[in-house]
Amino acid sequence: MSAASRSTLVIALAAAGALSLSACGGGGGTKNQAASSAAVAAPADSGTLTLLGQASGNKPEPLDTVIAAFEKKYPGIKVKSEYLPIGTSYADSLRTRLRGGNQPDVFYAAPGAGGLTSLLNLADAGLTADLAKQSWTKGLVDTNARELFYQDGGLWGIPFDRVVVAQVYNTTALKKSGIEIPRTMDELLTACKKVNSQGKSLLSLAGASAENSGLFAVALAANYVLADQPEFNSERAQGKTTFAGSKGWQSTVQAIVDMKKAGCFQKGVEAADIPQAAPALAEGKALSFVIPTGALAALRGIAPNLELEAHPLPGVTAEGTNIYSSQSDALAISTKGAKNGAATTFLKYVATGGGDEVYAKATGNLPLKGTLDDPALSGISGILADEKHNFPMINLPWPNPEVYSDLGKGVQGLLTGQQSPADVLKSMDDAWKQK
């Protein structure tokens, strides 16, 4: 893999991860009644609208692919798109523009509250319009994700894809290793030792990246926490439990220590950032990487002959294995855009007119309903059809970004031996109290 290809791959993988986690912080918002109550205009078949989004790292931008399909279906409407770098650059510019005279009609946001681009925070500030009275939005949001999109009876944005976090394998490297896909954590630990003896690692992890480390930890929590305590977040918000007092969370962080001891991660994992960890999967030095399936398109774009297959990260038992299937990307309409029927038409197309399928094919994420006809996803198709084993990402309703940040930093501490599992959980409980 060339240096240029490696750089592009890293950017795209980082973008895919950031998009799935940008909603960190959630719950019911601050409920200060500042949210705009302006109803959006009825859909129109002509006009012009502006869209502001986060740069994904993919070329062309996946939303531009959606826009092209939209303009073909609605030739009387033109969309002017603009993309800004992911992170504080996008968040700061978005909030400044929403408060000023240069509002985009439509913009990318993250569900929940607490993050800089989170829907409920923006609604509290009166910066996004209410879509609840639009008939086409009925049933659009998953029941278990309502608290991330609705507040005070208003719907402040709409989901437009479904992000799935899975253990993505390099099929060629997997076959050469001679191991079977682990279905339980014990099988995974055994496989780690065998692969390690071959001079490779079963898993690649960007241990120096708090974001990637946090993603890995919450993926484990789908099995260790949600399998036995599916209402953990609600109970934590009510003060009925804590991270430190949860057996599931204790097992989650201990599993990371056990995996490191079993040689599951690449050598030097604690110092590896995405530029070191991501290419290891494409090059076959690591057999798998826990990432959003939205990264599949980026991986294929850089290494067209790369065979990939996604599987759930195993739990203690095969029956207790869960997966994240989250409505964790959103589009919203600004108070200015509320007067523009073309903006309403665009959101309706994205959510119910096939735009979500166009976006899914461009990214590797899933459409709002059903799955993609992609052989790489066959290993998760069964569990995705089983609602009992599907959850939104556990971090989405957390009250502020610091809880997730402390989890990611805590995983780094576990990898270096500078923190204990108890230290990590105490830090998360302390962060939970921050406003």
Protein backbone atom coordinates (compact mmCIF):
# COMPACT_ATOMS: atom_id res chain seq x y z
CA MET A 1 0.00 0.00 0.00
CA SER A 2 1.43 3.35 -1.02
CA ALA A 3 1.90 6.21 1.42
CA ALA A 4 -0.83 8.19 -0.35
CA SER A 5 -3.24 5.27 -0.19
CA ARG A 6 -2.39 4.68 3.45
CA SER A 7 -3.12 8.33 4.25
CA THR A 8 -6.46 8.26 2.44
CA LEU A 9 -7.44 5.04 4.21
CA VAL A 10 -6.62 6.51 7.60
CA ILE A 11 -8.68 9.64 6.94
CA ALA A 12 -11.67 7.64 5.75
CA LEU A 13 -11.57 5.22 8.68
CA ALA A 14 -11.25 8.07 11.14
CA ALA A 15 -14.20 9.80 9.50
CA ALA A 16 -16.35 6.68 9.65
CA GLY A 17 -15.58 6.28 13.34
CA ALA A 18 -16.17 9.92 14.11
CA LEU A 19 -19.53 9.94 12.34
CA SER A 20 -20.77 7.01 14.39
CA LEU A 21 -19.60 8.52 17.66
CA SER A 22 -20.29 12.18 17.15
CA ALA A 23 -23.57 11.87 19.00
CA CYS A 24 -21.76 11.08 22.23
CA GLY A 25 -23.81 12.63 24.99
CA GLY A 26 -27.55 12.35 24.97
CA GLY A 27 -30.56 11.82 27.15
CA GLY A 28 -33.45 14.21 27.26
CA GLY A 29 -31.65 17.51 26.79
CA THR A 30 -31.82 20.46 29.15
CA LYS A 31 -35.53 21.13 28.53
CA ASN A 32 -35.16 24.89 28.87
CA GLN A 33 -38.02 25.42 26.42
CA ALA A 34 -35.77 27.53 24.15
CA ALA A 35 -36.31 25.24 21.15
CA SER A 36 -37.94 26.70 18.08
CA SER A 37 -41.55 25.71 17.64
CA ALA A 38 -41.75 26.80 14.01
CA ALA A 39 -43.29 24.10 11.85
CA VAL A 40 -41.47 23.40 8.63
CA ALA A 41 -43.02 24.24 5.28
CA ALA A 42 -44.86 21.61 3.27
CA PRO A 43 -42.76 19.78 0.67
CA ALA A 44 -42.21 21.70 -2.59
CA ASP A 45 -41.17 20.47 -6.04
CA SER A 46 -39.04 23.47 -6.94
CA GLY A 47 -36.54 25.82 -5.40
CA THR A 48 -32.98 25.94 -4.10
CA LEU A 49 -31.58 24.79 -0.78
CA THR A 50 -28.21 24.88 0.94
CA LEU A 51 -26.69 21.97 2.86
CA LEU A 52 -23.81 22.00 5.34
CA GLY A 53 -22.18 18.70 6.27
CA GLN A 54 -19.09 17.13 7.77
CA ALA A 55 -16.39 16.04 5.35
CA SER A 56 -16.30 12.25 5.33
CA GLY A 57 -12.92 11.62 3.74
CA ASN A 58 -14.56 9.85 0.79
CA LYS A 59 -14.55 11.19 -2.77
CA PRO A 60 -17.15 11.98 -3.91
CA GLU A 61 -18.81 12.91 -0.65
CA PRO A 62 -21.58 10.34 0.03
CA LEU A 63 -24.13 13.11 0.59
CA ASP A 64 -23.25 14.52 -2.83
CA THR A 65 -24.14 11.11 -4.28
CA VAL A 66 -27.50 11.42 -2.54
CA ILE A 67 -27.93 14.97 -3.83
CA ALA A 68 -27.28 13.84 -7.42
CA ALA A 69 -29.98 11.16 -7.12
CA PHE A 70 -32.34 13.67 -5.49
CA GLU A 71 -31.87 16.28 -8.21
CA LYS A 72 -32.53 13.63 -10.85
CA LYS A 73 -35.84 12.78 -9.15
CA TYR A 74 -36.68 16.44 -8.48
CA PRO A 75 -35.22 18.38 -11.42
CA GLY A 76 -36.90 21.56 -10.21
CA ILE A 77 -34.79 21.65 -7.04
CA LYS A 78 -31.10 22.47 -6.81
CA VAL A 79 -28.94 21.72 -3.76
CA LYS A 80 -25.81 23.71 -2.94
CA SER A 81 -23.61 21.62 -0.62
CA GLU A 82 -20.63 22.57 1.51
CA TYR A 83 -18.48 20.34 3.73
CA LEU A 84 -16.23 21.27 6.63
CA PRO A 85 -13.65 19.15 8.49
CA ILE A 86 -14.99 16.78 11.15
CA GLY A 87 -14.59 17.87 14.76
CA THR A 88 -14.53 21.27 16.38
CA SER A 89 -14.05 23.04 13.03
CA TYR A 90 -17.42 21.82 11.78
CA ALA A 91 -19.16 22.22 15.13
CA ASP A 92 -17.95 25.77 15.72
CA SER A 93 -18.77 26.89 12.20
CA LEU A 94 -22.20 25.27 12.31
CA ARG A 95 -23.25 26.94 15.55
CA THR A 96 -21.89 30.31 14.44
CA ARG A 97 -23.78 30.14 11.16
CA LEU A 98 -27.00 28.91 12.74
CA ARG A 99 -26.92 31.92 15.06
CA GLY A 100 -26.07 34.37 12.28
CA GLY A 101 -27.37 35.38 8.91
CA ASN A 102 -25.66 32.64 6.89
CA GLN A 103 -27.76 29.67 7.98
CA PRO A 104 -27.77 26.56 5.80
CA ASP A 105 -31.27 25.27 5.10
CA VAL A 106 -30.26 21.69 5.95
CA PHE A 107 -27.33 20.52 8.06
CA TYR A 108 -25.73 17.40 9.47
CA ALA A 109 -26.17 16.89 13.23
CA ALA A 110 -25.78 14.15 15.80
CA PRO A 111 -28.69 12.69 17.77
CA GLY A 112 -28.88 13.17 21.52
CA ALA A 113 -27.44 16.02 23.57
CA GLY A 114 -24.16 17.01 25.16
CA GLY A 115 -22.07 17.02 21.99
CA LEU A 116 -21.26 20.17 20.06
CA THR A 117 -23.48 19.20 17.13
CA SER A 118 -26.14 17.25 19.05
CA LEU A 119 -29.75 17.76 17.99
CA LEU A 120 -31.25 18.35 21.41
CA ASN A 121 -28.63 20.93 22.34
CA LEU A 122 -29.29 22.78 19.09
CA ALA A 123 -33.04 22.52 19.67
CA ASP A 124 -32.66 23.96 23.17
CA ALA A 125 -30.86 26.91 21.63
CA GLY A 126 -33.68 27.43 19.11
CA LEU A 127 -31.46 26.56 16.15
CA THR A 128 -33.39 23.71 14.53
CA ALA A 129 -36.99 23.37 13.33
CA ASP A 130 -39.65 20.93 14.52
CA LEU A 131 -40.56 18.11 12.12
CA ALA A 132 -43.08 16.34 14.33
CA LYS A 133 -46.14 17.52 12.37
CA GLN A 134 -44.85 16.10 9.08
CA SER A 135 -46.85 12.91 8.46
CA TRP A 136 -43.93 11.20 6.70
CA THR A 137 -41.86 11.25 9.91
CA LYS A 138 -44.23 8.91 11.76
CA GLY A 139 -42.48 5.65 12.69
CA LEU A 140 -39.19 6.88 11.24
CA VAL A 141 -37.27 6.85 14.52
CA ASP A 142 -36.68 3.55 16.29
CA THR A 143 -38.54 3.21 19.58
CA ASN A 144 -35.29 2.72 21.48
CA ALA A 145 -33.82 5.85 19.88
CA ARG A 146 -36.70 8.28 20.46
CA GLU A 147 -34.94 10.03 23.32
CA LEU A 148 -32.16 10.96 20.89
CA PHE A 149 -34.44 12.75 18.39
CA TYR A 150 -37.56 13.84 20.28
CA GLN A 151 -37.86 16.37 23.08
CA ASP A 152 -40.83 18.32 24.50
CA GLY A 153 -43.05 16.76 21.83
CA GLY A 154 -40.85 18.01 18.98
CA LEU A 155 -38.83 16.03 16.45
CA TRP A 156 -35.65 18.01 15.88
CA GLY A 157 -34.03 16.01 13.10
CA ILE A 158 -34.36 12.77 11.15
CA PRO A 159 -32.04 9.75 10.91
CA PHE A 160 -30.76 8.92 7.46
CA ASP A 161 -28.75 5.75 7.95
CA ARG A 162 -27.98 3.02 10.40
CA VAL A 163 -24.45 2.60 11.73
CA VAL A 164 -23.42 -0.94 12.63
CA VAL A 165 -20.28 -1.66 14.64
CA ALA A 166 -18.78 -5.07 13.91
CA GLN A 167 -15.59 -7.07 13.98
CA VAL A 168 -14.45 -6.78 10.36
CA TYR A 169 -12.08 -9.51 9.18
CA ASN A 170 -9.59 -9.65 6.34
CA THR A 171 -10.93 -12.85 4.76
CA THR A 172 -7.65 -13.82 3.09
CA ALA A 173 -5.64 -13.41 6.30
CA LEU A 174 -8.34 -15.27 8.23
CA LYS A 175 -8.14 -18.29 5.92
CA LYS A 176 -4.34 -18.37 6.09
CA SER A 177 -4.46 -18.42 9.89
CA GLY A 178 -6.51 -21.60 9.97
CA ILE A 179 -8.85 -20.41 12.72
CA GLU A 180 -12.63 -20.41 12.77
CA ILE A 181 -14.61 -17.25 13.56
CA PRO A 182 -14.78 -17.07 17.38
CA ARG A 183 -18.37 -17.25 18.67
CA THR A 184 -17.60 -16.77 22.38
CA MET A 185 -15.04 -14.78 24.32
CA ASP A 186 -13.24 -17.97 25.39
CA GLU A 187 -12.93 -18.99 21.73
CA LEU A 188 -11.65 -15.50 20.90
CA LEU A 189 -8.95 -15.66 23.58
CA THR A 190 -7.85 -19.07 22.31
CA ALA A 191 -7.75 -17.77 18.74
CA CYS A 192 -5.68 -14.78 19.88
CA LYS A 193 -2.98 -17.05 21.24
CA LYS A 194 -2.85 -19.12 18.04
CA VAL A 195 -2.67 -16.11 15.74
CA ASN A 196 -0.10 -14.47 18.00
CA SER A 197 2.13 -17.54 17.63
CA GLN A 198 2.01 -16.95 13.85
CA GLY A 199 3.51 -13.48 14.29
CA LYS A 200 0.22 -11.65 13.72
CA SER A 201 -2.62 -10.39 15.87
CA LEU A 202 -6.27 -11.29 15.85
CA LEU A 203 -7.24 -7.66 16.46
CA SER A 204 -5.87 -4.32 15.45
CA LEU A 205 -6.56 -1.51 17.90
CA ALA A 206 -5.52 2.13 17.81
CA GLY A 207 -4.66 2.18 21.49
CA ALA A 208 -3.25 5.69 21.35
CA SER A 209 -6.58 7.01 20.03
CA ALA A 210 -9.10 7.63 22.80
CA GLU A 211 -11.87 7.56 20.18
CA ASN A 212 -10.94 4.13 18.79
CA SER A 213 -10.20 2.72 22.25
CA GLY A 214 -13.57 3.95 23.46
CA LEU A 215 -15.33 2.41 20.46
CA PHE A 216 -13.76 -0.95 21.24
CA ALA A 217 -14.85 -0.75 24.88
CA VAL A 218 -18.45 0.15 24.08
CA ALA A 219 -18.55 -2.70 21.54
CA LEU A 220 -17.65 -5.08 24.37
CA ALA A 221 -20.27 -3.45 26.58
CA ALA A 222 -22.99 -4.47 24.11
CA ASN A 223 -22.36 -8.01 25.31
CA TYR A 224 -21.25 -7.62 28.91
CA VAL A 225 -23.59 -4.80 29.98
CA LEU A 226 -26.66 -4.81 27.74
CA ALA A 227 -27.05 -8.59 27.72
CA ASP A 228 -28.00 -8.57 31.40
CA GLN A 229 -28.80 -4.90 32.07
CA PRO A 230 -30.44 -3.46 28.93
CA GLU A 231 -31.77 -0.48 30.90
CA PHE A 232 -28.36 0.48 32.27
CA ASN A 233 -28.42 4.03 30.90
CA SER A 234 -31.84 4.80 32.36
CA GLU A 235 -30.85 3.32 35.70
CA ARG A 236 -27.59 5.29 35.68
CA ALA A 237 -29.47 8.51 34.92
CA GLN A 238 -31.82 7.81 37.84
CA GLY A 239 -28.93 7.10 40.19
CA LYS A 240 -29.96 3.46 40.63
CA THR A 241 -26.60 2.16 39.47
CA THR A 242 -23.08 3.32 38.64
CA PHE A 243 -20.36 2.24 36.25
CA ALA A 244 -18.24 1.12 39.18
CA GLY A 245 -21.12 -0.84 40.69
CA SER A 246 -22.17 -2.55 37.46
CA LYS A 247 -20.97 -6.14 37.10
CA GLY A 248 -21.36 -5.77 33.34
CA TRP A 249 -19.06 -2.77 33.20
CA GLN A 250 -16.59 -4.46 35.53
CA SER A 251 -16.49 -7.41 33.12
CA THR A 252 -16.16 -5.08 30.11
CA VAL A 253 -12.97 -3.38 31.28
CA GLN A 254 -11.56 -6.62 32.71
CA ALA A 255 -12.05 -8.27 29.30
CA ILE A 256 -9.67 -5.73 27.77
CA VAL A 257 -7.00 -6.67 30.31
CA ASP A 258 -7.58 -10.37 29.59
CA MET A 259 -7.34 -9.80 25.84
CA LYS A 260 -4.07 -7.95 26.16
CA LYS A 261 -2.64 -10.82 28.24
CA ALA A 262 -3.78 -13.31 25.57
CA GLY A 263 -1.93 -11.38 22.86
CA CYS A 264 -5.09 -10.32 21.03
CA PHE A 265 -3.69 -6.93 20.02
CA GLN A 266 -0.73 -6.01 17.87
CA LYS A 267 2.63 -5.32 19.49
CA GLY A 268 2.92 -1.74 20.68
CA VAL A 269 -0.87 -1.37 20.74
CA GLU A 270 -0.71 1.28 23.44
CA ALA A 271 1.32 3.57 21.14
CA ALA A 272 -0.54 2.80 17.90
CA ASP A 273 -2.79 5.48 16.47
CA ILE A 274 -5.08 5.02 13.45
CA PRO A 275 -2.20 5.53 10.96
CA GLN A 276 -0.58 2.40 12.40
CA ALA A 277 -3.63 0.33 13.31
CA ALA A 278 -5.88 0.79 10.27
CA PRO A 279 -3.51 -0.37 7.50
CA ALA A 280 -2.65 -3.51 9.50
CA LEU A 281 -6.04 -4.94 8.57
CA ALA A 282 -5.67 -4.23 4.85
CA GLU A 283 -2.13 -5.64 4.85
CA GLY A 284 -3.10 -8.81 6.72
CA LYS A 285 -0.84 -8.15 9.71
CA ALA A 286 -3.98 -8.13 11.84
CA LEU A 287 -6.95 -10.36 11.08
CA SER A 288 -9.69 -7.98 12.24
CA PHE A 289 -10.55 -4.47 13.33
CA VAL A 290 -13.65 -3.41 15.31
CA ILE A 291 -15.04 -0.53 13.25
CA PRO A 292 -18.31 0.85 11.87
CA THR A 293 -19.33 -0.96 8.69
CA GLY A 294 -19.32 2.46 7.06
CA ALA A 295 -15.57 2.03 6.72
CA LEU A 296 -15.98 -0.87 4.26
CA ALA A 297 -16.32 1.42 1.26
CA ALA A 298 -13.16 3.28 2.22
CA LEU A 299 -11.20 0.05 2.63
CA ARG A 300 -12.36 -1.21 -0.75
CA GLY A 301 -11.60 2.09 -2.38
CA ILE A 302 -7.97 1.83 -1.34
CA ALA A 303 -7.53 -1.94 -1.76
CA PRO A 304 -10.05 -3.09 -4.41
CA ASN A 305 -9.06 -6.75 -4.14
CA LEU A 306 -9.43 -6.84 -0.37
CA GLU A 307 -11.99 -9.42 0.80
CA LEU A 308 -13.80 -8.44 3.96
CA GLU A 309 -16.41 -10.03 6.20
CA ALA A 310 -18.16 -8.59 9.23
CA HIS A 311 -19.14 -10.57 12.33
CA PRO A 312 -20.39 -9.62 15.79
CA LEU A 313 -17.72 -9.16 18.44
CA PRO A 314 -18.47 -12.28 20.53
CA GLY A 315 -19.93 -12.24 24.01
CA VAL A 316 -19.48 -14.66 26.88
CA THR A 317 -21.83 -17.02 25.06
CA ALA A 318 -23.03 -17.14 21.47
CA GLU A 319 -26.60 -16.65 22.73
CA GLY A 320 -25.55 -13.58 24.71
CA THR A 321 -23.86 -11.84 21.80
CA ASN A 322 -25.33 -8.48 20.75
CA ILE A 323 -24.56 -5.90 18.10
CA TYR A 324 -24.95 -2.14 17.73
CA SER A 325 -27.31 -1.01 15.00
CA SER A 326 -27.76 2.68 15.67
CA GLN A 327 -29.59 5.54 14.01
CA SER A 328 -26.64 7.77 14.79
CA ASP A 329 -26.43 10.22 11.87
CA ALA A 330 -29.05 12.92 11.40
CA LEU A 331 -30.13 15.78 9.17
CA ALA A 332 -31.97 18.80 10.50
CA ILE A 333 -33.61 21.93 9.11
CA SER A 334 -32.59 25.35 10.40
CA THR A 335 -35.09 28.03 11.41
CA LYS A 336 -34.35 29.74 8.08
CA GLY A 337 -34.79 26.47 6.19
CA ALA A 338 -38.15 25.91 7.90
CA LYS A 339 -39.65 28.35 5.41
CA ASN A 340 -38.18 26.50 2.43
CA GLY A 341 -40.39 23.68 1.15
CA ALA A 342 -37.50 22.37 -0.95
CA ALA A 343 -35.61 21.61 2.27
CA THR A 344 -38.58 19.59 3.54
CA THR A 345 -38.69 17.68 0.26
CA PHE A 346 -35.00 16.82 0.57
CA LEU A 347 -35.34 15.41 4.09
CA LYS A 348 -38.43 13.46 3.07
CA TYR A 349 -36.53 11.96 0.13
CA VAL A 350 -33.55 11.03 2.29
CA ALA A 351 -35.70 9.34 4.93
CA THR A 352 -38.53 7.77 2.94
CA GLY A 353 -37.84 8.21 -0.78
CA GLY A 354 -34.78 6.02 -1.21
CA GLY A 355 -32.08 8.51 -0.31
CA ASP A 356 -31.02 6.41 2.67
CA GLU A 357 -30.35 3.47 0.34
CA VAL A 358 -28.24 5.66 -1.95
CA TYR A 359 -26.24 6.85 1.05
CA ALA A 360 -25.82 3.32 2.39
CA LYS A 361 -24.42 2.05 -0.91
CA ALA A 362 -21.96 4.94 -0.96
CA THR A 363 -20.72 4.39 2.59
CA GLY A 364 -21.22 0.79 3.66
CA ASN A 365 -23.57 1.83 6.45
CA LEU A 366 -27.08 0.37 6.34
CA PRO A 367 -30.31 2.00 5.14
CA LEU A 368 -32.98 2.80 7.73
CA LYS A 369 -34.85 -0.40 6.89
CA GLY A 370 -33.36 -3.69 5.77
CA THR A 371 -29.76 -4.41 4.78
CA LEU A 372 -27.52 -4.07 1.77
CA ASP A 373 -26.96 -6.90 -0.68
CA ASP A 374 -23.30 -7.08 0.29
CA PRO A 375 -21.54 -10.43 0.83
CA ALA A 376 -19.33 -8.85 3.48
CA LEU A 377 -22.40 -8.28 5.65
CA SER A 378 -23.77 -11.82 5.47
CA GLY A 379 -22.10 -12.70 8.78
CA ILE A 380 -24.21 -10.13 10.62
CA SER A 381 -27.47 -10.39 8.66
CA GLY A 382 -28.92 -12.93 11.08
CA ILE A 383 -28.29 -10.96 14.24
CA LEU A 384 -29.46 -7.72 12.59
CA ALA A 385 -32.83 -9.39 11.98
CA ASP A 386 -33.13 -10.29 15.67
CA GLU A 387 -34.42 -7.23 17.52
CA LYS A 388 -33.59 -8.76 20.90
CA HIS A 389 -29.89 -8.56 20.08
CA ASN A 390 -29.83 -5.09 18.45
CA PHE A 391 -29.14 -1.95 20.47
CA PRO A 392 -28.29 1.68 19.80
CA MET A 393 -24.71 2.40 20.83
CA ILE A 394 -24.63 2.52 24.60
CA ASN A 395 -22.81 5.86 24.73
CA LEU A 396 -25.36 7.83 22.70
CA PRO A 397 -27.57 8.85 25.64
CA TRP A 398 -24.70 9.74 27.98
CA PRO A 399 -25.06 13.28 29.39
CA ASN A 400 -21.78 14.74 28.14
CA PRO A 401 -18.79 13.84 25.94
CA GLU A 402 -16.45 13.51 28.91
CA VAL A 403 -17.85 10.12 29.97
CA TYR A 404 -16.91 8.56 26.63
CA SER A 405 -13.61 10.44 26.55
CA ASP A 406 -12.69 9.10 29.99
CA LEU A 407 -13.58 5.58 28.85
CA GLY A 408 -11.25 5.88 25.85
CA LYS A 409 -8.45 7.29 27.98
CA GLY A 410 -9.12 4.57 30.52
CA VAL A 411 -8.61 1.85 27.92
CA GLN A 412 -5.28 3.46 27.12
CA GLY A 413 -4.45 3.25 30.81
CA LEU A 414 -5.39 -0.43 30.89
CA LEU A 415 -3.13 -1.14 27.93
CA THR A 416 -0.16 0.61 29.55
CA GLY A 417 -0.90 -0.79 33.00
CA GLN A 418 -1.18 2.72 34.45
CA GLN A 419 -4.85 2.30 35.38
CA SER A 420 -6.87 -0.51 36.90
CA PRO A 421 -10.40 -1.46 35.81
CA ALA A 422 -11.70 0.19 38.99
CA ASP A 423 -9.86 3.42 38.13
CA VAL A 424 -11.51 3.58 34.72
CA LEU A 425 -15.04 3.10 36.04
CA LYS A 426 -14.59 5.62 38.84
CA SER A 427 -13.41 8.19 36.30
CA MET A 428 -16.53 7.58 34.18
CA ASP A 429 -18.80 8.01 37.20
CA ASP A 430 -17.06 11.27 38.06
CA ALA A 431 -17.46 12.49 34.48
CA TRP A 432 -21.15 11.60 34.48
CA LYS A 433 -21.76 14.26 37.14
CA GLN A 434 -20.32 17.04 34.99
CA LYS A 435 -22.71 19.44 33.29
